[in-house]
Amino acid sequence: QVQLVESGGGVVQPGGSLRLSCTTSGFDFSMFGMSWYHQAQGNDRELVAFLSWGPNSPPHYADSVKGRFTISRLNAEKTVYLQMNNLKREDTGVYYCNVRIGGEDYWGKGTPVTVTS
């Protein structure tokens, strides 16, 4: 079955960096777009970054993270990454990896990020 496992979250000071990873299994990773979502406490999940399966497809970013976050993928490792730089307090929350297959959304359990001084 489809499995997504996020890692790399933690506690970091404002202005710091983290690199999140999402390892996957159970589907043909190279043929699907991958997304990262952010959920702050009490809020809905929001899309922060999306990367299509195509090798030349440009990534999509939420306005709030443009210029700070970078999504990338390594098909050979069936893994998608989210490099987060210049972190802000409002980036605090749980980050989820997502893939949509046949109209159904699959999620990992998330990895928590806390930005605090």
Protein backbone atom coordinates (compact mmCIF):
# COMPACT_ATOMS: atom_id res chain seq x y z
CA GLN A 1 0.00 0.00 0.00
CA VAL A 2 0.97 3.63 -0.36
CA GLN A 3 3.19 4.83 2.47
CA LEU A 4 4.70 8.24 3.09
CA VAL A 5 7.12 8.84 5.96
CA GLU A 6 8.28 12.35 6.81
CA SER A 7 11.39 13.20 8.80
CA GLY A 8 13.72 16.08 9.50
CA GLY A 9 11.59 18.34 11.64
CA GLY A 10 12.81 19.90 14.85
CA VAL A 11 13.31 23.07 16.86
CA VAL A 12 15.16 25.92 15.21
CA GLN A 13 15.72 29.63 15.83
CA PRO A 14 14.25 32.28 13.54
CA GLY A 15 16.46 32.59 10.49
CA GLY A 16 17.57 28.99 10.74
CA SER A 17 17.19 26.13 8.28
CA LEU A 18 15.80 22.63 8.18
CA ARG A 19 15.61 19.98 5.48
CA LEU A 20 12.57 17.75 5.50
CA SER A 21 12.47 14.38 3.77
CA CYS A 22 9.57 12.19 2.71
CA THR A 23 10.36 8.62 1.79
CA THR A 24 7.71 6.74 -0.13
CA SER A 25 6.66 3.26 -1.15
CA GLY A 26 3.75 1.43 -2.70
CA PHE A 27 3.41 3.43 -5.91
CA ASP A 28 5.43 4.46 -8.95
CA PHE A 29 7.01 7.56 -7.44
CA SER A 30 8.46 8.83 -10.71
CA MET A 31 4.99 9.19 -12.25
CA PHE A 32 3.30 11.39 -9.63
CA GLY A 33 3.55 14.94 -8.44
CA MET A 34 4.43 15.39 -4.79
CA SER A 35 3.37 18.07 -2.34
CA TRP A 36 4.28 19.44 1.06
CA TYR A 37 1.61 20.91 3.32
CA HIS A 38 1.87 22.93 6.51
CA GLN A 39 -0.60 22.83 9.36
CA ALA A 40 -0.30 25.35 12.14
CA GLN A 41 -2.08 24.60 15.40
CA GLY A 42 -5.79 25.28 15.04
CA ASN A 43 -5.57 25.84 11.29
CA ASP A 44 -6.29 23.81 8.19
CA ARG A 45 -3.51 22.23 6.19
CA GLU A 46 -2.15 24.57 3.56
CA LEU A 47 -0.16 23.73 0.46
CA VAL A 48 3.35 25.14 0.64
CA ALA A 49 5.07 23.42 -2.28
CA PHE A 50 4.29 21.12 -5.21
CA LEU A 51 6.59 19.45 -7.70
CA SER A 52 5.24 17.61 -10.71
CA TRP A 53 6.63 14.32 -11.96
CA GLY A 54 7.90 15.84 -15.20
CA PRO A 55 11.63 16.58 -15.30
CA ASN A 56 11.16 20.11 -16.63
CA SER A 57 8.07 21.12 -14.69
CA PRO A 58 8.58 24.19 -12.54
CA PRO A 59 7.76 23.89 -8.84
CA HIS A 60 4.86 25.73 -7.27
CA TYR A 61 5.18 27.58 -3.96
CA ALA A 62 2.81 29.37 -1.64
CA ASP A 63 3.52 33.09 -1.59
CA SER A 64 4.48 32.88 2.08
CA VAL A 65 7.47 30.63 1.37
CA LYS A 66 8.67 31.82 -2.05
CA GLY A 67 12.37 32.51 -1.99
CA ARG A 68 12.84 30.63 1.28
CA PHE A 69 11.70 27.04 0.62
CA THR A 70 12.81 24.68 -2.13
CA ILE A 71 11.12 21.42 -3.06
CA SER A 72 13.10 18.72 -4.84
CA ARG A 73 12.84 15.02 -5.55
CA LEU A 74 15.15 12.09 -6.10
CA ASN A 75 13.26 9.49 -8.09
CA ALA A 76 15.91 6.82 -7.61
CA GLU A 77 15.36 7.09 -3.85
CA LYS A 78 11.57 7.64 -4.09
CA THR A 79 12.05 10.64 -1.86
CA VAL A 80 10.88 14.25 -1.92
CA TYR A 81 12.61 16.98 0.06
CA LEU A 82 11.74 20.40 1.38
CA GLN A 83 14.67 22.70 2.10
CA MET A 84 13.48 25.45 4.42
CA ASN A 85 15.70 28.50 4.89
CA ASN A 86 15.24 31.75 6.78
CA LEU A 87 12.57 30.16 8.92
CA LYS A 88 10.03 32.38 10.61
CA ARG A 89 7.90 31.84 13.69
CA GLU A 90 4.83 31.50 11.50
CA ASP A 91 6.42 28.46 9.84
CA THR A 92 5.85 26.56 13.07
CA GLY A 93 3.55 23.59 12.72
CA VAL A 94 3.42 20.08 11.31
CA TYR A 95 4.59 19.42 7.78
CA TYR A 96 2.94 16.68 5.76
CA CYS A 97 3.93 14.97 2.56
CA ASN A 98 1.12 14.28 0.07
CA VAL A 99 0.49 12.41 -3.14
CA ARG A 100 -2.78 12.22 -5.06
CA ILE A 101 -3.35 8.93 -6.87
CA GLY A 102 -6.54 8.24 -8.79
CA GLY A 103 -8.27 11.16 -7.10
CA GLU A 104 -7.40 9.94 -3.61
CA ASP A 105 -5.07 11.83 -1.29
CA TYR A 106 -2.44 9.97 0.69
CA TRP A 107 -0.67 11.52 3.67
CA GLY A 108 2.18 10.77 5.98
CA LYS A 109 1.95 11.26 9.73
CA GLY A 110 3.83 14.53 9.51
CA THR A 111 6.98 15.95 11.05
CA PRO A 112 6.79 18.85 13.53
CA VAL A 113 8.71 22.09 13.09
CA THR A 114 9.04 24.68 15.84
CA VAL A 115 10.64 28.05 15.14
CA THR A 116 11.40 29.80 18.39
CA SER A 117 14.09 31.86 20.03
